Structures are given as C-alpha cells and as structure tokens.
Amino acid sequence: MSGSMSKKNFWQKLARPFTGLAPMDGVSDAAFRFITAKYGDPDVIFTEFTPVEGICARAVRAAYSLIYDKSERPVVAQFFGKTPEAFYKAAFVACELGFDGIDINMGCPAKSIALKGSGAGLILNPSLAKSIVRRTKDAARDWSEGKKISSVGLPEAILEYMKSIRPKKVARRLLPVSVKTRLGYDKSIVEEWVRHILETAPAAITIHGRTYKQGYAGDADWEAIARAAKIIQSAGVIAVGNGDVKSLEEARSRALEFGVDGVLIGRAALGNPWVFSGRANARGETAVFEPTLQTRFKVAAEHARKYAQVFGRGYFTPMRKHLAWYCRGFPGAAETRHKLMQADSYEEVTEIFRSALNRKSA
C-alpha cells in the first residue's frame, strides 16, 4: 500500500463548519469557478456534472467541465452516469488532472438524466449505486498505486485533450470519493438511502433537501437533512447539507442548527461570487459585502473575458445567462440584460456596461 493511503484527505482538513460552491449543470464551468474563487473564496468547489459515458465515448467537449485553475483548490470533479466501468475510467481522468476529490452525482433531477437511470435515478437502484462508488474508489486506489491511465481503455481523443489541460506536476495520492444525492425519489427515504451509500464508505455525503419528484419546488427539508447527518456522522463520514441557502450567515446558522459539517451554496452564487466573502465581526456576526454597480459590472466583464479565454471566441452564447444574473436590482437592469443577451464577445459586453454606467451618471 502506498504512503499516500495514510494521509488525511482535504475533507478531513476543512475547518467546521465549511461552505462550498455546489455543482450546477451548465453553470459551474471553469470561468464561473475562477471568478467565484477569486471574489468569494469558498472552502471547497465542485465542477459541473461531467458524463462518464461521454468521456468513454471520446466526447471531448464533455471534458471541458474538467478545466480548472489552481486558485479553486480544493476542487472536486463531479461525474454522473450509470456504468460502473465508465466511472472507473473517468476517475482516472480526474486523478491524472490533479483534482482534490471525486464526487458522484446521485441527485440530478433533470428528466433526461434521471429517467435513464443516472443522477437521482440511482436512488431507485441501490445495488448499482453502490457498485459505482466502489469502482470509482477502486480507480482512485489503483491510480494512487501507480497504474497508468493509458492502460484503462480511454479513447485516444480524450487522452490527447488531457495533455492540453493537465497541470505540469501531479503527485500520485489517493483521492477521496464522495456522493451528492437527494432525500429520495418520489418520497423521502433518506435514512434508508444513506445507509446504502455508507456501505461503500465514501469520504463525504451531501444531501440536497428535496426529493427527485420535487425538483427545485417547495422548501428544502433541513429536518430530514439533520436526521441523515446523524446517521452519516455516526459512520465517521462527513455530512454536508444543501438547499435554499442564500447567504454565508445562513449557511453557518444552518450548519449549527442542523448538525452538518458543511453547507453548499448553489443558486445564491449566480452573478454573486461575493456570497462567500463575508467575514465575522467581533460579535460573531457575518458582514455582508454589497458590491457597487460599478464593481458588479467590472467583475461581470472580467468573467466574460475569462470565459472567452477558456472556451474561445466562437462559443460565447452560454456566457450570456451569467451576465444576466449580474444585472439585477438597479434602474435600467432589464434594458441592460436585453442587450447582453445579444452580445457575442467580451468587447461588446464591456461597451454595454460602459454605456449603462454613463446613463446612470447622466
């Protein structure tokens, strides 16, 4: 057994309670994570969902979600799918790229994913879910002990692409494998469900406080998260809560009230990397940072520039929704958003923001 096996992983080193950036499909891409790390500095960051079957079918674009900057550390690669051997191969990609951990998505509520047996669909198939965790852990162990990525059967196109985004030095170490899931499928069975997951001894389990059927409707059930957390922690595993948390102060209060080790923030971070940037004052209260409009525009433009640097000039459309999220709560916001939804470059974005500020000061 390699010496890396006995070292603490990053989950065990995080101060309690910690806060993290939740994985969000089509949202938490490399540029979004870079900006969140720079202006919010959460304790842990997750990538958006990466399809293991896509990786194994030489879908290079699927691997774009695995681009990251060292400022994001600790950064966790999140995968979804339903094929244990595809998870095994994809885990080698995460290890080789130098991620700090691997997370398995068992909670995505998108019908296109769940109804095919991936994401939240795995809640209906505990046996398959456990096989996936175990094969992912096998891969992490095998890589840490020296097995070469070239021997696992990944497509040549993926191996070639990895060369362009791989850090110069990646030390072999055992990456922790965690799971993010929901309370249940059509009803809450969270106590029974987490006991199944715990049979595989993951490093951490994150519980989103809704069922698959709820999607993002209604309120997250933090009482159910608390019940699950007790079971998870009694097994020596880290318990993380997620759902409806709108501020750093709320994240900390939820952690204390419901007994979780940490809390992930998702939708509250859209167009708002500062949601993680509060600092406690002498009375233990968290001061909320409120950026000026000029600061908000400056960071949004920086976000757009980073997006263009990462993905190239011909792939700007997905950036537009991020720009819209920055533009809320000020006179003329709707007009500015409308213009941004037609922007095709960082330069256009900069000019739109400049014009909006000039109108405001006129």
Protein backbone atom coordinates (compact mmCIF):
# COMPACT_ATOMS: atom_id res chain seq x y z
CA MET A 1 0.00 0.00 0.00
CA SER A 2 1.42 3.40 -0.95
CA GLY A 3 2.34 6.02 1.62
CA SER A 4 -0.35 8.31 0.23
CA MET A 5 -3.02 5.97 1.59
CA SER A 6 -2.43 7.05 5.20
CA LYS A 7 -2.54 10.81 4.65
CA LYS A 8 -5.58 12.89 5.51
CA ASN A 9 -7.67 13.97 2.56
CA PHE A 10 -8.87 17.55 2.13
CA TRP A 11 -12.34 16.78 3.57
CA GLN A 12 -10.74 15.86 6.89
CA LYS A 13 -8.70 19.07 6.93
CA LEU A 14 -11.57 21.52 6.37
CA ALA A 15 -12.44 23.70 9.36
CA ARG A 16 -16.01 23.21 10.59
CA PRO A 17 -18.46 24.40 9.52
CA PHE A 18 -17.25 24.87 5.95
CA THR A 19 -19.06 26.34 2.96
CA GLY A 20 -18.70 25.26 -0.63
CA LEU A 21 -19.82 26.06 -4.17
CA ALA A 22 -22.36 23.45 -5.24
CA PRO A 23 -22.08 21.74 -8.63
CA MET A 24 -24.59 23.18 -11.11
CA ASP A 25 -25.08 21.71 -14.55
CA GLY A 26 -24.37 24.21 -17.31
CA VAL A 27 -23.38 26.83 -14.73
CA SER A 28 -20.30 25.98 -12.68
CA ASP A 29 -17.90 25.92 -15.61
CA ALA A 30 -14.24 26.91 -15.45
CA ALA A 31 -14.81 30.68 -15.80
CA PHE A 32 -17.61 30.76 -13.21
CA ARG A 33 -15.49 28.79 -10.73
CA PHE A 34 -12.46 31.01 -11.32
CA ILE A 35 -14.43 34.17 -10.57
CA THR A 36 -16.13 32.61 -7.54
CA ALA A 37 -12.77 31.52 -6.15
CA LYS A 38 -11.26 34.97 -6.72
CA TYR A 39 -14.04 37.07 -5.22
CA GLY A 40 -15.69 34.63 -2.82
CA ASP A 41 -13.10 32.01 -1.89
CA PRO A 42 -15.40 29.17 -0.76
CA ASP A 43 -13.81 26.36 1.26
CA VAL A 44 -14.43 23.76 -1.47
CA ILE A 45 -15.53 23.98 -5.12
CA PHE A 46 -17.24 21.39 -7.33
CA THR A 47 -17.22 21.25 -11.12
CA GLU A 48 -20.43 20.98 -13.08
CA PHE A 49 -21.65 17.47 -13.93
CA THR A 50 -19.40 15.51 -16.28
CA PRO A 51 -20.85 12.46 -18.10
CA VAL A 52 -18.70 9.36 -17.63
CA GLU A 53 -20.23 7.64 -20.64
CA GLY A 54 -19.43 10.74 -22.71
CA ILE A 55 -15.81 10.66 -21.58
CA CYS A 56 -15.60 6.99 -22.56
CA ALA A 57 -17.20 7.69 -25.95
CA ARG A 58 -14.50 10.23 -26.89
CA ALA A 59 -16.78 13.27 -26.37
CA VAL A 60 -14.01 15.81 -25.87
CA ARG A 61 -16.44 18.67 -25.23
CA ALA A 62 -17.74 16.74 -22.21
CA ALA A 63 -14.29 17.12 -20.69
CA TYR A 64 -14.40 20.94 -20.91
CA SER A 65 -16.03 20.90 -17.47
CA LEU A 66 -12.79 19.49 -16.05
CA ILE A 67 -10.76 22.62 -16.81
CA TYR A 68 -9.84 24.34 -13.55
CA ASP A 69 -7.45 26.87 -12.05
CA LYS A 70 -5.24 26.17 -9.03
CA SER A 71 -6.95 29.06 -7.20
CA GLU A 72 -10.06 26.86 -6.91
CA ARG A 73 -8.43 24.30 -4.61
CA PRO A 74 -9.68 22.20 -3.07
CA VAL A 75 -11.59 21.43 -6.26
CA VAL A 76 -13.68 18.30 -6.81
CA ALA A 77 -14.59 16.70 -10.15
CA GLN A 78 -18.22 15.64 -10.25
CA PHE A 79 -19.33 12.81 -12.52
CA PHE A 80 -22.70 11.37 -13.47
CA GLY A 81 -23.72 8.24 -15.31
CA LYS A 82 -24.86 4.67 -14.70
CA THR A 83 -21.99 2.44 -15.87
CA PRO A 84 -19.54 1.36 -13.13
CA GLU A 85 -16.72 0.70 -15.61
CA ALA A 86 -17.19 4.14 -17.17
CA PHE A 87 -16.85 5.65 -13.70
CA TYR A 88 -13.67 3.64 -13.22
CA LYS A 89 -12.15 5.09 -16.39
CA ALA A 90 -13.39 8.65 -15.76
CA ALA A 91 -11.96 8.58 -12.25
CA PHE A 92 -8.51 8.08 -13.79
CA VAL A 93 -9.06 11.30 -15.73
CA ALA A 94 -9.81 13.21 -12.52
CA CYS A 95 -6.77 11.73 -10.80
CA GLU A 96 -4.46 12.44 -13.72
CA LEU A 97 -5.69 16.05 -13.94
CA GLY A 98 -4.78 16.68 -10.31
CA PHE A 99 -8.22 17.16 -8.75
CA ASP A 100 -8.51 17.05 -4.98
CA GLY A 101 -11.52 14.73 -4.94
CA ILE A 102 -14.13 12.92 -6.99
CA ASP A 103 -17.87 13.32 -6.41
CA ILE A 104 -20.62 11.09 -7.77
CA ASN A 105 -23.90 12.72 -8.71
CA MET A 106 -26.90 10.79 -7.42
CA GLY A 107 -29.23 13.76 -7.24
CA CYS A 108 -29.62 15.50 -10.60
CA PRO A 109 -33.39 15.96 -11.17
CA ALA A 110 -33.26 16.53 -14.93
CA LYS A 111 -35.64 14.03 -16.54
CA SER A 112 -33.22 13.46 -19.42
CA ILE A 113 -30.75 12.11 -16.86
CA ALA A 114 -32.81 10.61 -14.02
CA LEU A 115 -35.25 8.68 -16.21
CA LYS A 116 -32.29 6.97 -17.88
CA GLY A 117 -31.03 5.71 -14.52
CA SER A 118 -28.35 8.32 -13.80
CA GLY A 119 -28.39 11.18 -11.29
CA ALA A 120 -31.38 10.89 -8.96
CA GLY A 121 -32.42 7.77 -10.88
CA LEU A 122 -29.75 5.86 -8.96
CA ILE A 123 -31.84 6.23 -5.79
CA LEU A 124 -34.12 3.57 -7.30
CA ASN A 125 -31.17 1.21 -7.82
CA PRO A 126 -29.09 0.98 -4.62
CA SER A 127 -27.15 -2.04 -5.87
CA LEU A 128 -25.94 -0.19 -8.98
CA ALA A 129 -25.26 2.96 -6.95
CA LYS A 130 -23.01 1.02 -4.59
CA SER A 131 -21.18 -0.65 -7.47
CA ILE A 132 -20.48 2.78 -8.95
CA VAL A 133 -18.99 4.13 -5.73
CA ARG A 134 -16.87 1.03 -5.26
CA ARG A 135 -15.49 1.07 -8.81
CA THR A 136 -14.72 4.77 -8.51
CA LYS A 137 -12.83 4.08 -5.29
CA ASP A 138 -11.03 1.18 -6.99
CA ALA A 139 -9.84 3.58 -9.68
CA ALA A 140 -8.65 6.15 -7.16
CA ARG A 141 -6.71 3.45 -5.32
CA ASP A 142 -5.26 1.90 -8.48
CA TRP A 143 -4.10 5.29 -9.78
CA SER A 144 -2.53 6.22 -6.44
CA GLU A 145 -0.61 2.94 -6.51
CA GLY A 146 0.87 3.62 -9.94
CA LYS A 147 -1.50 2.22 -12.56
CA LYS A 148 -1.11 4.15 -15.82
CA ILE A 149 -4.06 5.92 -17.39
CA SER A 150 -3.03 4.58 -20.79
CA SER A 151 -3.92 1.07 -19.63
CA VAL A 152 -7.60 1.60 -18.75
CA GLY A 153 -9.05 1.89 -22.24
CA LEU A 154 -9.86 5.57 -22.53
CA PRO A 155 -10.27 6.95 -26.08
CA GLU A 156 -7.16 8.45 -27.64
CA ALA A 157 -9.03 11.74 -28.27
CA ILE A 158 -9.61 12.14 -24.51
CA LEU A 159 -6.01 11.30 -23.67
CA GLU A 160 -4.78 13.84 -26.20
CA TYR A 161 -7.11 16.55 -24.90
CA MET A 162 -5.99 15.92 -21.34
CA LYS A 163 -2.44 16.79 -22.30
CA SER A 164 -3.59 20.34 -23.06
CA ILE A 165 -5.23 20.92 -19.66
CA ARG A 166 -3.15 18.73 -17.33
CA PRO A 167 -1.02 20.55 -14.70
CA LYS A 168 2.73 20.16 -15.13
CA LYS A 169 3.17 18.21 -11.90
CA VAL A 170 0.59 15.85 -10.42
CA ALA A 171 1.62 13.81 -7.39
CA ARG A 172 0.06 10.38 -7.03
CA ARG A 173 -2.17 10.35 -3.98
CA LEU A 174 -5.41 8.67 -3.00
CA LEU A 175 -8.32 10.94 -3.93
CA PRO A 176 -11.38 10.84 -1.67
CA VAL A 177 -14.65 9.78 -3.30
CA SER A 178 -17.87 11.45 -2.16
CA VAL A 179 -21.56 11.35 -3.13
CA LYS A 180 -24.15 14.10 -3.65
CA THR A 181 -27.76 12.98 -3.53
CA ARG A 182 -31.35 13.81 -2.52
CA LEU A 183 -33.83 12.74 0.15
CA GLY A 184 -35.41 10.16 -2.12
CA TYR A 185 -37.09 9.67 -5.46
CA ASP A 186 -40.84 10.29 -5.11
CA LYS A 187 -40.80 10.43 -1.30
CA SER A 188 -38.21 10.88 1.42
CA ILE A 189 -36.38 7.66 2.30
CA VAL A 190 -33.20 9.44 3.31
CA GLU A 191 -32.39 7.34 6.41
CA GLU A 192 -32.63 4.07 4.48
CA TRP A 193 -30.91 5.54 1.42
CA VAL A 194 -27.84 6.95 3.18
CA ARG A 195 -27.32 3.61 4.93
CA HIS A 196 -26.96 2.02 1.50
CA ILE A 197 -24.38 4.62 0.46
CA LEU A 198 -22.50 4.24 3.74
CA GLU A 199 -21.85 0.58 2.93
CA THR A 200 -19.29 1.86 0.42
CA ALA A 201 -17.52 4.12 2.99
CA PRO A 202 -17.43 7.38 0.99
CA ALA A 203 -15.42 10.32 2.30
CA ALA A 204 -18.49 12.60 2.44
CA ILE A 205 -22.18 12.64 1.56
CA THR A 206 -24.01 15.80 0.53
CA ILE A 207 -27.79 15.80 0.93
CA HIS A 208 -29.97 18.18 -1.06
CA GLY A 209 -33.11 18.61 0.99
CA ARG A 210 -35.64 17.66 -1.70
CA THR A 211 -36.74 14.50 -3.49
CA TYR A 212 -36.32 13.95 -7.22
CA LYS A 213 -40.05 14.50 -7.72
CA GLN A 214 -39.83 17.94 -6.08
CA GLY A 215 -37.06 19.15 -8.38
CA TYR A 216 -36.41 22.63 -7.01
CA ALA A 217 -40.01 23.29 -5.95
CA GLY A 218 -41.09 23.89 -2.38
CA ASP A 219 -38.71 24.32 0.52
CA ALA A 220 -35.66 22.20 1.27
CA ASP A 221 -36.32 19.91 4.25
CA TRP A 222 -33.45 20.61 6.63
CA GLU A 223 -35.00 18.47 9.38
CA ALA A 224 -34.60 15.48 7.06
CA ILE A 225 -31.03 16.57 6.29
CA ALA A 226 -30.35 16.66 10.05
CA ARG A 227 -31.66 13.10 10.51
CA ALA A 228 -29.47 11.90 7.66
CA ALA A 229 -26.46 13.78 9.03
CA LYS A 230 -26.63 11.91 12.34
CA ILE A 231 -26.55 8.58 10.55
CA ILE A 232 -23.74 9.69 8.24
CA GLN A 233 -21.58 11.10 11.03
CA SER A 234 -22.12 8.04 13.24
CA ALA A 235 -20.30 6.10 10.50
CA GLY A 236 -17.37 8.52 10.62
CA VAL A 237 -18.33 10.15 7.31
CA ILE A 238 -18.62 13.89 6.67
CA ALA A 239 -22.20 15.17 6.26
CA VAL A 240 -22.95 18.17 4.05
CA GLY A 241 -26.28 19.97 3.61
CA ASN A 242 -27.60 21.77 0.55
CA GLY A 243 -30.77 23.62 -0.42
CA ASP A 244 -32.19 27.16 -0.30
CA VAL A 245 -29.18 28.73 1.43
CA LYS A 246 -28.96 32.37 0.39
CA SER A 247 -26.00 33.75 2.38
CA LEU A 248 -22.85 32.82 4.24
CA GLU A 249 -24.51 33.71 7.52
CA GLU A 250 -27.43 31.42 6.73
CA ALA A 251 -25.03 28.62 5.77
CA ARG A 252 -23.30 28.85 9.12
CA SER A 253 -26.52 29.02 11.10
CA ARG A 254 -27.94 26.01 9.22
CA ALA A 255 -24.78 24.04 9.92
CA LEU A 256 -25.06 24.77 13.65
CA GLU A 257 -28.81 24.22 13.88
CA PHE A 258 -28.98 21.01 11.84
CA GLY A 259 -25.66 19.47 12.77
CA VAL A 260 -23.97 19.18 9.38
CA ASP A 261 -20.23 19.57 8.91
CA GLY A 262 -20.63 21.93 5.99
CA VAL A 263 -23.10 23.57 3.63
CA LEU A 264 -23.05 24.03 -0.14
CA ILE A 265 -24.42 27.19 -1.76
CA GLY A 266 -25.68 27.00 -5.33
CA ARG A 267 -28.24 29.35 -6.86
CA ALA A 268 -27.40 32.22 -4.47
CA ALA A 269 -23.96 32.38 -6.10
CA LEU A 270 -25.32 33.13 -9.58
CA GLY A 271 -23.99 36.54 -10.56
CA ASN A 272 -22.91 36.89 -6.94
CA PRO A 273 -19.46 35.43 -6.15
CA TRP A 274 -19.42 37.71 -3.09
CA VAL A 275 -21.96 35.46 -1.35
CA PHE A 276 -18.97 33.56 0.09
CA SER A 277 -16.94 36.61 1.05
CA GLY A 278 -18.48 37.63 4.38
CA ARG A 279 -16.24 37.87 7.43
CA ALA A 280 -17.30 37.56 11.05
CA ASN A 281 -17.09 40.72 13.20
CA ALA A 282 -16.22 40.91 16.91
CA ARG A 283 -19.73 39.75 17.86
CA GLY A 284 -19.55 36.73 15.56
CA GLU A 285 -21.93 38.29 13.03
CA THR A 286 -21.13 38.00 9.34
CA ALA A 287 -20.81 41.28 7.48
CA VAL A 288 -22.39 41.01 4.04
CA PHE A 289 -20.38 42.52 1.20
CA GLU A 290 -22.54 44.62 -1.12
CA PRO A 291 -20.68 45.47 -4.35
CA THR A 292 -21.33 48.77 -6.05
CA LEU A 293 -22.86 48.65 -9.51
CA GLN A 294 -19.50 49.65 -10.96
CA THR A 295 -17.82 46.74 -9.15
CA ARG A 296 -20.52 44.33 -10.26
CA PHE A 297 -20.07 45.37 -13.90
CA LYS A 298 -16.29 45.19 -13.62
CA VAL A 299 -16.38 41.63 -12.29
CA ALA A 300 -19.02 40.57 -14.82
CA ALA A 301 -16.80 41.88 -17.62
CA GLU A 302 -13.82 40.05 -16.13
CA HIS A 303 -15.97 36.92 -16.03
CA ALA A 304 -16.79 37.35 -19.72
CA ARG A 305 -13.12 37.86 -20.59
CA LYS A 306 -12.14 34.73 -18.68
CA TYR A 307 -14.88 32.76 -20.43
CA ALA A 308 -13.57 33.82 -23.84
CA GLN A 309 -10.01 32.89 -22.81
CA VAL A 310 -11.07 29.42 -21.69
CA PHE A 311 -13.57 28.46 -24.38
CA GLY A 312 -12.63 30.63 -27.34
CA ARG A 313 -14.49 33.36 -29.18
CA GLY A 314 -16.86 31.10 -31.09
CA TYR A 315 -18.59 29.71 -28.01
CA PHE A 316 -19.88 32.80 -26.18
CA THR A 317 -23.65 32.15 -26.04
CA PRO A 318 -23.57 30.12 -22.76
CA MET A 319 -21.92 33.13 -21.07
CA ARG A 320 -24.98 35.32 -21.61
CA LYS A 321 -27.02 33.79 -18.77
CA HIS A 322 -24.20 34.59 -16.33
CA LEU A 323 -24.20 38.21 -17.47
CA ALA A 324 -27.96 38.41 -16.90
CA TRP A 325 -27.51 37.19 -13.32
CA TYR A 326 -25.15 40.09 -12.58
CA CYS A 327 -27.75 42.58 -13.83
CA ARG A 328 -30.46 42.71 -11.19
CA GLY A 329 -31.88 45.31 -8.86
CA PHE A 330 -30.92 48.63 -10.45
CA PRO A 331 -32.72 51.12 -12.73
CA GLY A 332 -32.36 50.07 -16.35
CA ALA A 333 -31.45 46.47 -15.46
CA ALA A 334 -33.97 44.98 -17.89
CA GLU A 335 -32.66 47.03 -20.80
CA THR A 336 -29.06 46.13 -19.97
CA ARG A 337 -29.92 42.43 -19.72
CA HIS A 338 -31.67 42.57 -23.09
CA LYS A 339 -28.53 43.96 -24.74
CA LEU A 340 -26.29 41.45 -23.00
CA MET A 341 -28.43 38.59 -24.32
CA GLN A 342 -27.28 39.56 -27.80
CA ALA A 343 -23.59 40.03 -27.01
CA ASP A 344 -21.09 37.79 -28.78
CA SER A 345 -17.81 38.94 -27.27
CA TYR A 346 -16.10 40.36 -24.23
CA GLU A 347 -15.63 43.66 -26.08
CA GLU A 348 -19.37 44.01 -26.68
CA VAL A 349 -20.05 43.28 -23.02
CA THR A 350 -17.59 45.95 -21.91
CA GLU A 351 -19.24 48.53 -24.15
CA ILE A 352 -22.73 47.66 -22.88
CA PHE A 353 -21.63 48.08 -19.28
CA ARG A 354 -19.85 51.35 -20.08
CA SER A 355 -22.99 52.75 -21.68
CA ALA A 356 -25.14 51.62 -18.74
CA LEU A 357 -22.87 53.38 -16.24
CA ASN A 358 -22.84 56.55 -18.35
CA ARG A 359 -26.65 56.59 -18.44
CA LYS A 360 -26.81 56.13 -14.68
CA SER A 361 -24.40 59.03 -14.04
CA ALA A 362 -26.03 61.35 -16.60
